[in-house]
Amino acid sequence: MTTTLIDGIGSLYTGDPEREEIADAALVVEDGLVAWTGHATDAPDADERVDVQGRAVIPGFVDSHAHLVFAGDRTAEFQARMSGQPYTGGGIRTTVAATRQASDAELATRALGLVNEMLAQGTTTVEIKSGYGLSVADERRSLEIATGLTDETTFLGAHVVPADLDADSYVRLVAGEMLEACAPYAKWVDAFCERGAFDGDQTREILAAGLKAGLGARVHANQLGEGPGVRIACELGAASADHCTHLTPGDVEALASSDTVATLLPGAEFSTRSPYPDARRLIDAGVTVALATDCNPGSSFTSSMAFCVALAVREMGMTPVEAVRAATYGGARALRRTDVGWLRRGARADLVVLDAPSYVHLAYRPGVPLVHQVFHGGLLL
């Protein structure tokens, strides 16, 4: 069994609350897992050595919210928003039409391209949702494609109501035949609980059906305005409530007293010119916060977690360490994973070598390609 010593680390951000940052550090990888972390002077012998020459090392980013199986382009919608039109979510149906017309090969090729784009930027774990098919066959094939790319697949038949069905009929379809067809390919069930999408009762019905089928729950909640989404997520024990842009004091209290992670998606606010979530308010209340890209063709077409880290620091009241923690450990918590998101003994050796002396440069030098090397399961990519 080969061991690899990675040393010459100027600053190691482990993400482990017990020892979160180590200066002049080293790390040992064995059989794809982290076997040891500590000061370089205390490092054990290993079969191989990689010297990163003073660079910083962080865990691989964990992107816990992404929509990567789709076809088409929504440049015109983006241009309209930049000209002053508000975001309403209605453009989702444009992507649905294009996705239904695309072949499996076309969808798979584009999704794989985005996953590889993410990996090159340091994202080693990604969640992928369906939600651009909105028919039994198209939702199922979207999830089949996603399972070839990640273990974290989410059934989002409840994205919006398709134009050819009324809401009640579609909710019955999602919670019945569509769920039955999609559950074998999904780990999670999600719903867009928002005006113009699904109300509280409809969201509860769909999530309850998914939970009964053995899926975990996630919720698109409180993006466009205050509503019941966050409270429903907490009541049902959902792993995450995602967006959390418009929160009442009761919403914050519900999150703080639950295990539900507040996943913030600043790329969406950037792309829609909307108010950013108040991360400071959530963190100070004791809420676990995650950052994710929300990569999708309409409201957040970015695959860069580093960009989201920079936005979180600049616009959402987070410190650099809080933002990096949310993009790694927080994302893992949002997926209820303990094997990724940190670099502690026994965790998967997913790590990113930055071409910088500290993770702070992710926010300090926004937009700069700072990823020097990516190790995935201990293997240098």
Protein backbone atom coordinates (compact mmCIF):
# COMPACT_ATOMS: atom_id res chain seq x y z
CA MET A 1 0.00 0.00 0.00
CA THR A 2 1.62 3.26 -1.16
CA THR A 3 1.71 6.33 1.05
CA THR A 4 2.23 9.86 -0.24
CA LEU A 5 3.56 12.76 1.79
CA ILE A 6 2.41 16.17 0.63
CA ASP A 7 4.63 18.74 2.26
CA GLY A 8 5.94 22.23 1.76
CA ILE A 9 2.42 23.43 2.60
CA GLY A 10 2.56 27.06 3.63
CA SER A 11 -0.95 26.98 5.10
CA LEU A 12 -3.17 23.91 5.47
CA TYR A 13 -6.87 24.57 5.98
CA THR A 14 -8.18 21.21 7.19
CA GLY A 15 -11.80 22.17 7.80
CA ASP A 16 -11.63 20.03 10.94
CA PRO A 17 -13.07 22.10 13.81
CA GLU A 18 -10.59 20.49 16.20
CA ARG A 19 -7.60 21.80 14.23
CA GLU A 20 -8.85 23.98 11.44
CA GLU A 21 -5.63 25.64 10.25
CA ILE A 22 -2.00 24.49 10.37
CA ALA A 23 0.99 26.58 9.27
CA ASP A 24 4.11 24.99 7.74
CA ALA A 25 2.14 21.80 7.34
CA ALA A 26 2.21 18.39 5.74
CA LEU A 27 -0.36 15.72 4.95
CA VAL A 28 -0.09 11.97 4.33
CA VAL A 29 -2.39 10.13 1.94
CA GLU A 30 -2.83 6.36 2.13
CA ASP A 31 -5.20 4.26 0.02
CA GLY A 32 -7.07 7.36 -1.15
CA LEU A 33 -7.69 8.63 2.38
CA VAL A 34 -6.11 11.20 4.66
CA ALA A 35 -3.85 9.28 7.05
CA TRP A 36 -2.17 12.16 8.90
CA THR A 37 -2.02 15.96 9.10
CA GLY A 38 0.29 18.16 11.14
CA HIS A 39 3.41 20.27 11.13
CA ALA A 40 5.94 19.33 8.48
CA THR A 41 8.66 18.77 11.08
CA ASP A 42 6.54 15.99 12.62
CA ALA A 43 5.61 14.25 9.37
CA PRO A 44 6.06 10.47 9.20
CA ASP A 45 7.99 8.76 6.41
CA ALA A 46 6.12 7.91 3.22
CA ASP A 47 6.78 6.06 -0.01
CA GLU A 48 6.38 9.14 -2.20
CA ARG A 49 6.69 12.87 -1.67
CA VAL A 50 5.01 15.87 -3.29
CA ASP A 51 6.45 19.30 -2.44
CA VAL A 52 3.90 22.10 -3.03
CA GLN A 53 6.55 24.78 -2.39
CA GLY A 54 4.80 26.98 0.13
CA ARG A 55 1.37 26.92 -1.46
CA ALA A 56 -1.87 26.70 0.51
CA VAL A 57 -3.94 23.52 0.61
CA ILE A 58 -7.67 23.31 1.28
CA PRO A 59 -10.25 20.50 1.07
CA GLY A 60 -11.93 20.00 -2.29
CA PHE A 61 -15.00 22.19 -2.63
CA VAL A 62 -18.36 20.47 -2.01
CA ASP A 63 -20.99 22.00 -4.31
CA SER A 64 -24.27 20.86 -2.78
CA HIS A 65 -26.66 22.58 -5.23
CA ALA A 66 -26.31 22.40 -9.01
CA HIS A 67 -28.56 21.88 -12.05
CA LEU A 68 -26.27 20.40 -14.69
CA VAL A 69 -28.53 18.26 -16.90
CA PHE A 70 -30.05 20.65 -19.40
CA ALA A 71 -29.95 21.89 -22.97
CA GLY A 72 -30.38 25.28 -24.56
CA ASP A 73 -29.26 28.80 -23.78
CA ARG A 74 -30.84 31.69 -21.88
CA THR A 75 -28.54 34.52 -22.87
CA ALA A 76 -31.50 36.65 -23.96
CA GLU A 77 -33.11 36.29 -20.53
CA PHE A 78 -29.86 37.32 -18.83
CA GLN A 79 -29.52 40.32 -21.12
CA ALA A 80 -33.10 41.33 -20.34
CA ARG A 81 -32.42 41.20 -16.61
CA MET A 82 -29.32 43.31 -17.04
CA SER A 83 -31.61 45.80 -18.79
CA GLY A 84 -33.90 45.99 -15.79
CA GLN A 85 -36.41 43.14 -16.04
CA PRO A 86 -36.91 41.28 -12.72
CA TYR A 87 -36.20 37.57 -12.27
CA THR A 88 -39.37 35.50 -11.78
CA GLY A 89 -38.28 31.92 -12.46
CA GLY A 90 -40.45 31.76 -15.56
CA GLY A 91 -37.50 31.09 -17.84
CA ILE A 92 -37.23 27.57 -16.45
CA ARG A 93 -39.84 26.47 -18.99
CA THR A 94 -37.55 27.65 -21.80
CA THR A 95 -34.89 25.23 -20.63
CA VAL A 96 -37.48 22.49 -20.22
CA ALA A 97 -38.47 22.77 -23.88
CA ALA A 98 -34.84 22.57 -25.03
CA THR A 99 -34.02 19.70 -22.68
CA ARG A 100 -36.96 17.61 -23.85
CA GLN A 101 -35.77 17.99 -27.44
CA ALA A 102 -32.15 17.05 -26.71
CA SER A 103 -30.78 13.53 -27.02
CA ASP A 104 -29.37 11.60 -24.08
CA ALA A 105 -25.90 11.95 -25.58
CA GLU A 106 -26.24 15.72 -25.89
CA LEU A 107 -27.39 16.07 -22.28
CA ALA A 108 -24.68 13.75 -20.97
CA THR A 109 -21.91 15.50 -22.89
CA ARG A 110 -22.88 18.93 -21.61
CA ALA A 111 -23.28 17.74 -18.02
CA LEU A 112 -19.91 15.98 -18.10
CA GLY A 113 -18.32 19.12 -19.49
CA LEU A 114 -19.65 21.13 -16.56
CA VAL A 115 -18.51 18.53 -14.02
CA ASN A 116 -15.02 18.61 -15.52
CA GLU A 117 -15.10 22.41 -15.50
CA MET A 118 -15.95 22.29 -11.79
CA LEU A 119 -13.25 19.74 -11.05
CA ALA A 120 -10.60 21.88 -12.69
CA GLN A 121 -11.66 24.70 -10.34
CA GLY A 122 -11.39 22.54 -7.22
CA THR A 123 -14.88 21.09 -6.82
CA THR A 124 -14.45 17.41 -6.00
CA THR A 125 -18.01 16.65 -4.87
CA VAL A 126 -21.11 17.93 -6.66
CA GLU A 127 -24.84 17.40 -6.26
CA ILE A 128 -26.86 17.28 -9.51
CA LYS A 129 -30.61 17.88 -9.74
CA SER A 130 -33.14 16.95 -12.37
CA GLY A 131 -35.91 19.49 -12.95
CA TYR A 132 -35.65 20.43 -16.62
CA GLY A 133 -37.66 17.49 -17.93
CA LEU A 134 -40.93 17.78 -15.99
CA SER A 135 -42.31 14.60 -17.56
CA VAL A 136 -41.90 11.07 -16.25
CA ALA A 137 -39.57 10.01 -19.04
CA ASP A 138 -37.49 13.18 -19.12
CA GLU A 139 -37.04 13.42 -15.36
CA ARG A 140 -36.01 9.76 -15.22
CA ARG A 141 -33.46 10.09 -18.02
CA SER A 142 -32.05 13.26 -16.46
CA LEU A 143 -31.38 11.36 -13.26
CA GLU A 144 -29.98 8.37 -15.11
CA ILE A 145 -27.47 10.72 -16.73
CA ALA A 146 -26.68 12.36 -13.37
CA THR A 147 -25.96 9.00 -11.72
CA GLY A 148 -23.10 8.52 -14.13
CA LEU A 149 -21.49 11.71 -12.82
CA THR A 150 -22.13 11.80 -9.07
CA ASP A 151 -23.52 9.88 -6.11
CA GLU A 152 -25.47 12.98 -5.05
CA THR A 153 -28.52 13.04 -7.31
CA THR A 154 -31.71 14.93 -6.55
CA PHE A 155 -35.21 14.45 -7.98
CA LEU A 156 -36.59 17.94 -8.66
CA GLY A 157 -39.73 17.15 -10.61
CA ALA A 158 -41.28 19.92 -8.50
CA HIS A 159 -39.30 22.69 -10.19
CA VAL A 160 -42.23 24.48 -11.85
CA VAL A 161 -45.59 23.35 -13.20
CA PRO A 162 -45.31 22.61 -16.93
CA ALA A 163 -47.49 24.68 -19.24
CA ASP A 164 -49.66 21.74 -20.34
CA LEU A 165 -50.85 20.73 -16.83
CA ASP A 166 -52.68 22.37 -13.94
CA ALA A 167 -50.93 22.51 -10.57
CA ASP A 168 -53.03 19.89 -8.75
CA SER A 169 -52.68 17.35 -11.54
CA TYR A 170 -48.96 17.91 -11.75
CA VAL A 171 -48.42 17.56 -7.99
CA ARG A 172 -50.20 14.19 -8.12
CA LEU A 173 -47.97 13.14 -11.01
CA VAL A 174 -44.77 14.23 -9.24
CA ALA A 175 -45.70 12.55 -5.96
CA GLY A 176 -46.91 9.40 -7.73
CA GLU A 177 -45.84 8.01 -11.08
CA MET A 178 -42.90 10.37 -11.60
CA LEU A 179 -41.45 9.73 -8.15
CA GLU A 180 -41.83 5.97 -8.61
CA ALA A 181 -39.91 6.13 -11.90
CA CYS A 182 -37.20 8.45 -10.57
CA ALA A 183 -36.58 7.19 -7.03
CA PRO A 184 -34.22 4.36 -8.10
CA TYR A 185 -31.87 7.00 -9.57
CA ALA A 186 -32.12 9.61 -6.81
CA LYS A 187 -30.75 10.08 -3.31
CA TRP A 188 -32.75 13.23 -2.58
CA VAL A 189 -36.12 14.84 -3.31
CA ASP A 190 -36.44 18.60 -3.70
CA ALA A 191 -39.18 21.16 -4.38
CA PHE A 192 -39.18 24.82 -5.39
CA CYS A 193 -41.39 26.28 -2.66
CA GLU A 194 -41.96 29.74 -4.05
CA ARG A 195 -44.60 31.98 -5.54
CA GLY A 196 -45.05 30.96 -9.15
CA ALA A 197 -43.91 27.42 -8.35
CA PHE A 198 -45.27 25.31 -5.44
CA ASP A 199 -47.04 26.47 -2.30
CA GLY A 200 -46.53 25.09 1.20
CA ASP A 201 -49.16 22.35 1.04
CA GLN A 202 -47.95 21.16 -2.36
CA THR A 203 -44.35 21.17 -1.17
CA ARG A 204 -45.21 19.13 1.92
CA GLU A 205 -47.10 16.57 -0.17
CA ILE A 206 -44.23 16.08 -2.60
CA LEU A 207 -41.51 15.94 0.05
CA ALA A 208 -43.53 13.58 2.23
CA ALA A 209 -43.94 11.22 -0.71
CA GLY A 210 -40.20 11.36 -1.38
CA LEU A 211 -39.37 10.68 2.25
CA LYS A 212 -41.75 7.72 2.24
CA ALA A 213 -39.93 6.38 -0.82
CA GLY A 214 -36.67 6.47 1.11
CA LEU A 215 -35.19 9.71 -0.26
CA GLY A 216 -33.73 12.50 1.83
CA ALA A 217 -35.28 15.96 1.57
CA ARG A 218 -33.95 19.30 0.33
CA VAL A 219 -35.95 22.48 -0.33
CA HIS A 220 -35.60 25.52 -2.60
CA ALA A 221 -36.78 28.03 -0.02
CA ASN A 222 -37.33 31.77 0.38
CA GLN A 223 -35.49 32.92 -2.73
CA LEU A 224 -37.96 35.44 -4.14
CA GLY A 225 -39.69 36.43 -0.93
CA GLU A 226 -40.73 35.31 2.52
CA GLY A 227 -42.68 32.08 2.59
CA PRO A 228 -43.10 28.70 4.26
CA GLY A 229 -40.17 26.90 2.58
CA VAL A 230 -37.58 27.23 5.35
CA ARG A 231 -40.00 26.20 8.07
CA ILE A 232 -41.17 23.20 6.05
CA ALA A 233 -37.55 22.14 5.54
CA CYS A 234 -36.92 22.29 9.28
CA GLU A 235 -40.18 20.55 10.19
CA LEU A 236 -39.49 17.65 7.84
CA GLY A 237 -35.84 17.29 8.83
CA ALA A 238 -34.55 18.28 5.41
CA ALA A 239 -30.79 18.24 4.99
CA SER A 240 -30.83 21.76 3.60
CA ALA A 241 -32.94 24.79 2.86
CA ASP A 242 -31.43 26.43 -0.20
CA HIS A 243 -31.37 30.15 -1.10
CA CYS A 244 -32.63 31.56 2.24
CA THR A 245 -32.56 35.07 0.82
CA HIS A 246 -35.67 36.45 2.55
CA LEU A 247 -35.95 35.25 6.14
CA THR A 248 -38.14 36.20 9.07
CA PRO A 249 -36.83 36.00 12.65
CA GLY A 250 -38.89 32.80 12.97
CA ASP A 251 -37.14 31.28 9.96
CA VAL A 252 -33.73 31.98 11.47
CA GLU A 253 -34.81 30.54 14.80
CA ALA A 254 -36.15 27.40 13.09
CA LEU A 255 -32.85 26.88 11.27
CA ALA A 256 -30.81 27.48 14.42
CA SER A 257 -32.79 24.91 16.38
CA SER A 258 -32.64 22.22 13.67
CA ASP A 259 -30.06 20.17 11.79
CA THR A 260 -31.10 21.76 8.50
CA VAL A 261 -28.25 23.57 6.76
CA ALA A 262 -28.86 26.98 5.19
CA THR A 263 -27.30 26.71 1.73
CA LEU A 264 -26.62 30.12 0.26
CA LEU A 265 -26.28 30.64 -3.49
CA PRO A 266 -24.74 34.07 -4.14
CA GLY A 267 -24.27 33.37 -7.84
CA ALA A 268 -28.05 33.60 -8.20
CA GLU A 269 -28.20 37.02 -6.58
CA PHE A 270 -25.28 38.19 -8.71
CA SER A 271 -26.96 37.02 -11.91
CA THR A 272 -30.43 38.30 -11.06
CA ARG A 273 -29.40 41.58 -9.40
CA SER A 274 -31.30 40.58 -6.28
CA PRO A 275 -30.53 41.27 -2.62
CA TYR A 276 -27.93 38.89 -1.17
CA PRO A 277 -28.72 36.65 1.82
CA ASP A 278 -27.50 37.90 5.18
CA ALA A 279 -25.01 35.19 6.08
CA ARG A 280 -23.78 37.14 9.12
CA ARG A 281 -27.24 36.98 10.64
CA LEU A 282 -27.39 33.21 10.18
CA ILE A 283 -23.89 32.48 11.45
CA ASP A 284 -24.34 34.67 14.52
CA ALA A 285 -27.56 32.76 15.29
CA GLY A 286 -25.68 29.44 15.23
CA VAL A 287 -27.00 28.20 11.87
CA THR A 288 -24.77 25.90 9.82
CA VAL A 289 -24.19 27.61 6.47
CA ALA A 290 -23.12 26.13 3.15
CA LEU A 291 -22.16 27.83 -0.10
CA ALA A 292 -22.97 26.37 -3.51
CA THR A 293 -22.96 27.59 -7.09
CA ASP A 294 -26.57 26.85 -8.11
CA CYS A 295 -25.00 26.28 -11.54
CA ASN A 296 -27.89 26.45 -14.02
CA PRO A 297 -28.50 28.07 -17.41
CA GLY A 298 -30.89 30.74 -16.21
CA SER A 299 -30.22 32.34 -12.85
CA SER A 300 -26.63 31.36 -11.98
CA PHE A 301 -24.55 30.06 -14.88
CA THR A 302 -21.30 29.76 -12.95
CA SER A 303 -19.36 26.62 -12.05
CA SER A 304 -16.89 28.46 -9.81
CA MET A 305 -17.04 27.89 -6.08
CA ALA A 306 -14.13 30.30 -5.69
CA PHE A 307 -16.29 33.02 -7.24
CA CYS A 308 -19.05 32.23 -4.73
CA VAL A 309 -16.53 32.42 -1.88
CA ALA A 310 -15.48 35.88 -3.05
CA LEU A 311 -19.12 37.03 -3.31
CA ALA A 312 -19.90 35.67 0.15
CA VAL A 313 -17.05 37.67 1.65
CA ARG A 314 -17.76 40.86 -0.28
CA GLU A 315 -21.56 40.89 -0.24
CA MET A 316 -22.85 38.59 2.53
CA GLY A 317 -20.87 39.52 5.63
CA MET A 318 -18.73 36.37 5.82
CA THR A 319 -15.08 36.31 6.75
CA PRO A 320 -12.74 34.43 4.39
CA VAL A 321 -12.45 31.47 6.74
CA GLU A 322 -16.23 31.30 7.17
CA ALA A 323 -16.73 31.33 3.41
CA VAL A 324 -14.17 28.59 2.75
CA ARG A 325 -15.65 26.55 5.59
CA ALA A 326 -19.12 26.93 4.06
CA ALA A 327 -17.84 25.89 0.63
CA THR A 328 -16.23 22.71 2.00
CA TYR A 329 -17.38 21.49 5.40
CA GLY A 330 -20.73 23.27 5.12
CA GLY A 331 -21.43 21.71 1.73
CA ALA A 332 -20.63 18.28 3.14
CA ARG A 333 -23.04 18.88 6.03
CA ALA A 334 -25.72 19.90 3.52
CA LEU A 335 -25.26 16.48 1.90
CA ARG A 336 -24.96 14.75 5.29
CA ARG A 337 -21.49 13.56 4.37
CA THR A 338 -18.59 13.07 6.79
CA ASP A 339 -16.12 11.62 4.28
CA VAL A 340 -15.61 14.85 2.31
CA GLY A 341 -15.40 18.58 3.04
CA TRP A 342 -12.49 18.35 5.47
CA LEU A 343 -9.00 16.90 5.69
CA ARG A 344 -8.99 14.83 8.82
CA ARG A 345 -7.82 11.26 9.29
CA GLY A 346 -10.11 8.83 7.47
CA ALA A 347 -11.64 11.41 5.14
CA ARG A 348 -11.35 11.03 1.39
CA ALA A 349 -8.16 12.68 0.17
CA ASP A 350 -9.87 15.37 -1.92
CA LEU A 351 -7.68 18.43 -1.72
CA VAL A 352 -6.85 21.54 -3.68
CA VAL A 353 -3.42 23.14 -3.92
CA LEU A 354 -3.77 26.89 -4.42
CA ASP A 355 -1.24 29.00 -6.25
CA ALA A 356 -1.25 31.32 -3.26
CA PRO A 357 0.10 31.23 0.31
CA SER A 358 -3.35 31.29 1.93
CA TYR A 359 -7.00 30.50 1.23
CA VAL A 360 -7.70 34.19 1.88
CA HIS A 361 -6.54 34.82 -1.68
CA LEU A 362 -9.76 33.21 -2.95
CA ALA A 363 -11.55 36.37 -1.85
CA TYR A 364 -8.55 38.70 -2.03
CA ARG A 365 -7.95 37.92 -5.75
CA PRO A 366 -11.46 37.33 -7.15
CA GLY A 367 -11.69 35.92 -10.64
CA VAL A 368 -8.06 34.76 -10.70
CA PRO A 369 -7.51 31.03 -11.52
CA LEU A 370 -5.70 30.08 -8.31
CA VAL A 371 -6.13 26.30 -8.46
CA HIS A 372 -2.66 24.82 -9.01
CA GLN A 373 -3.41 21.12 -8.47
CA VAL A 374 -6.41 18.96 -7.55
CA PHE A 375 -6.18 15.61 -5.79
CA HIS A 376 -9.31 13.47 -5.97
CA GLY A 377 -9.32 10.38 -3.79
CA GLY A 378 -5.58 10.86 -3.34
CA LEU A 379 -4.90 10.90 -7.07
CA LEU A 380 -3.40 13.94 -8.73
CA LEU A 381 -5.61 14.94 -11.65
